Amino acid sequence: MDDYLVFGVVGGIIVALVLLLFLLRRKSEASLEIETISPTDVLSDDIIREIILLVGNAGDKGIRQSRISNILKRPKSTISRKIRKLNNEGYVHVTRAGKTNIIRLTDKGLDLYKKIIEASGS
């Protein structure tokens, strides 16, 4: 009877260790996945390109995030995701103003805006 108890405890510990190692390995692999936006990726994403154009056209005063969503007729969640990516990559700066976000181009974003304008021939 004691042999079964020892076997059960040892087996449970082994299963717990294997599960822990699996979860730690999975977590470390997931943390290595960093999504970045290269300028060519930005130019190939129509929504991001349209956001950059709208923010650039707004000038130094910026534009409300909700206005971008209304103009582009896209879900707020989509616009939010794209702006978060642009902000993380340094293309835009997001300023909270009450209940809304004001979006402005950074110097890096302004360079991209100029490239988009040149590419479109406007």
Protein backbone atom coordinates (compact mmCIF):
# COMPACT_ATOMS: atom_id res chain seq x y z
CA MET A 1 0.00 0.00 0.00
CA ASP A 2 2.83 2.37 0.87
CA ASP A 3 4.47 1.60 -2.49
CA TYR A 4 1.38 2.81 -4.35
CA LEU A 5 1.31 6.03 -2.33
CA VAL A 6 4.99 6.75 -3.04
CA PHE A 7 4.49 5.90 -6.71
CA GLY A 8 1.46 8.24 -6.90
CA VAL A 9 3.28 11.14 -5.23
CA VAL A 10 6.40 10.74 -7.40
CA GLY A 11 4.25 10.44 -10.54
CA GLY A 12 2.29 13.56 -9.61
CA ILE A 13 5.49 15.54 -9.06
CA ILE A 14 6.88 14.44 -12.42
CA VAL A 15 3.66 15.40 -14.22
CA ALA A 16 3.65 18.80 -12.46
CA LEU A 17 7.29 19.46 -13.44
CA VAL A 18 6.69 18.52 -17.07
CA LEU A 19 3.64 20.80 -17.20
CA LEU A 20 5.58 23.65 -15.58
CA LEU A 21 8.46 23.29 -18.05
CA PHE A 22 6.00 23.22 -20.96
CA LEU A 23 4.28 26.42 -19.78
CA LEU A 24 7.58 28.23 -19.14
CA ARG A 25 8.90 27.29 -22.58
CA ARG A 26 5.68 28.39 -24.24
CA LYS A 27 5.72 31.71 -22.39
CA SER A 28 9.33 32.44 -23.35
CA GLU A 29 8.62 31.67 -27.00
CA ALA A 30 5.58 33.95 -27.00
CA SER A 31 7.50 36.83 -25.45
CA LEU A 32 10.01 36.71 -28.30
CA GLU A 33 7.36 37.50 -30.90
CA ILE A 34 7.57 41.24 -31.42
CA GLU A 35 5.50 42.75 -34.17
CA THR A 36 7.21 45.65 -35.87
CA ILE A 37 6.17 47.75 -38.79
CA SER A 38 8.73 48.44 -41.47
CA PRO A 39 8.13 51.40 -43.78
CA THR A 40 7.30 49.03 -46.64
CA ASP A 41 4.74 47.20 -44.47
CA VAL A 42 3.19 50.54 -43.52
CA LEU A 43 2.89 51.53 -47.14
CA SER A 44 1.28 48.20 -48.03
CA ASP A 45 -1.40 48.52 -45.32
CA ASP A 46 -4.18 50.68 -46.74
CA ILE A 47 -5.69 51.56 -43.36
CA ILE A 48 -2.36 52.60 -41.84
CA ARG A 49 -1.54 54.63 -44.95
CA GLU A 50 -4.91 56.39 -44.73
CA ILE A 51 -4.39 57.10 -41.02
CA ILE A 52 -0.95 58.61 -41.70
CA LEU A 53 -2.45 60.79 -44.45
CA LEU A 54 -5.30 62.00 -42.24
CA VAL A 55 -3.01 62.78 -39.31
CA GLY A 56 -0.50 64.47 -41.60
CA ASN A 57 -3.20 66.57 -43.26
CA ALA A 58 -4.41 67.67 -39.82
CA GLY A 59 -1.03 69.28 -39.14
CA ASP A 60 0.39 70.16 -35.73
CA LYS A 61 -3.03 70.34 -34.06
CA GLY A 62 -3.58 66.64 -34.70
CA ILE A 63 -6.83 64.80 -35.17
CA ARG A 64 -9.16 62.96 -32.80
CA GLN A 65 -9.01 59.18 -33.02
CA SER A 66 -12.81 59.00 -33.21
CA ARG A 67 -12.74 61.37 -36.21
CA ILE A 68 -10.31 59.03 -37.99
CA SER A 69 -12.70 56.14 -37.38
CA ASN A 70 -15.66 58.17 -38.70
CA ILE A 71 -13.84 59.40 -41.81
CA LEU A 72 -12.45 55.98 -42.73
CA LYS A 73 -15.74 54.25 -41.83
CA ARG A 74 -13.82 51.55 -39.98
CA PRO A 75 -14.54 49.98 -36.57
CA LYS A 76 -13.06 51.85 -33.63
CA SER A 77 -11.25 48.67 -32.58
CA THR A 78 -9.48 48.44 -35.94
CA ILE A 79 -8.39 52.08 -35.81
CA SER A 80 -7.28 51.67 -32.20
CA ARG A 81 -5.12 48.64 -33.08
CA LYS A 82 -3.51 50.38 -36.03
CA ILE A 83 -2.81 53.55 -34.02
CA ARG A 84 -1.34 51.49 -31.18
CA LYS A 85 1.05 49.87 -33.68
CA LEU A 86 1.96 53.24 -35.16
CA ASN A 87 2.51 54.68 -31.68
CA ASN A 88 4.66 51.73 -30.56
CA GLU A 89 6.79 52.09 -33.69
CA GLY A 90 7.20 55.84 -33.20
CA TYR A 91 5.18 57.08 -36.18
CA VAL A 92 2.51 58.88 -34.15
CA HIS A 93 2.14 60.39 -30.71
CA VAL A 94 -1.12 59.86 -28.81
CA THR A 95 -2.25 62.50 -26.32
CA ARG A 96 -5.23 61.89 -24.05
CA ALA A 97 -7.60 64.88 -24.00
CA GLY A 98 -10.52 64.15 -21.70
CA LYS A 99 -12.34 61.18 -23.17
CA THR A 100 -10.64 61.30 -26.55
CA ASN A 101 -7.21 60.68 -28.02
CA ILE A 102 -5.48 63.29 -30.16
CA ILE A 103 -3.17 61.78 -32.75
CA ARG A 104 -0.15 63.69 -34.09
CA LEU A 105 2.72 62.64 -36.33
CA THR A 106 6.22 62.32 -34.91
CA ASP A 107 9.24 63.27 -37.00
CA LYS A 108 9.43 59.65 -38.15
CA GLY A 109 5.73 59.77 -39.03
CA LEU A 110 6.17 63.05 -40.88
CA ASP A 111 8.93 61.47 -43.00
CA LEU A 112 6.58 58.59 -43.82
CA TYR A 113 3.75 61.05 -44.60
CA LYS A 114 6.03 62.82 -47.10
CA LYS A 115 6.95 59.48 -48.71
CA ILE A 116 3.27 58.60 -49.09
CA ILE A 117 2.50 61.98 -50.64
CA GLU A 118 5.43 61.63 -53.06
CA ALA A 119 4.41 58.09 -54.00
CA SER A 120 0.83 59.15 -54.71
CA GLY A 121 1.98 62.10 -56.83
CA SER A 122 -0.16 64.59 -54.87
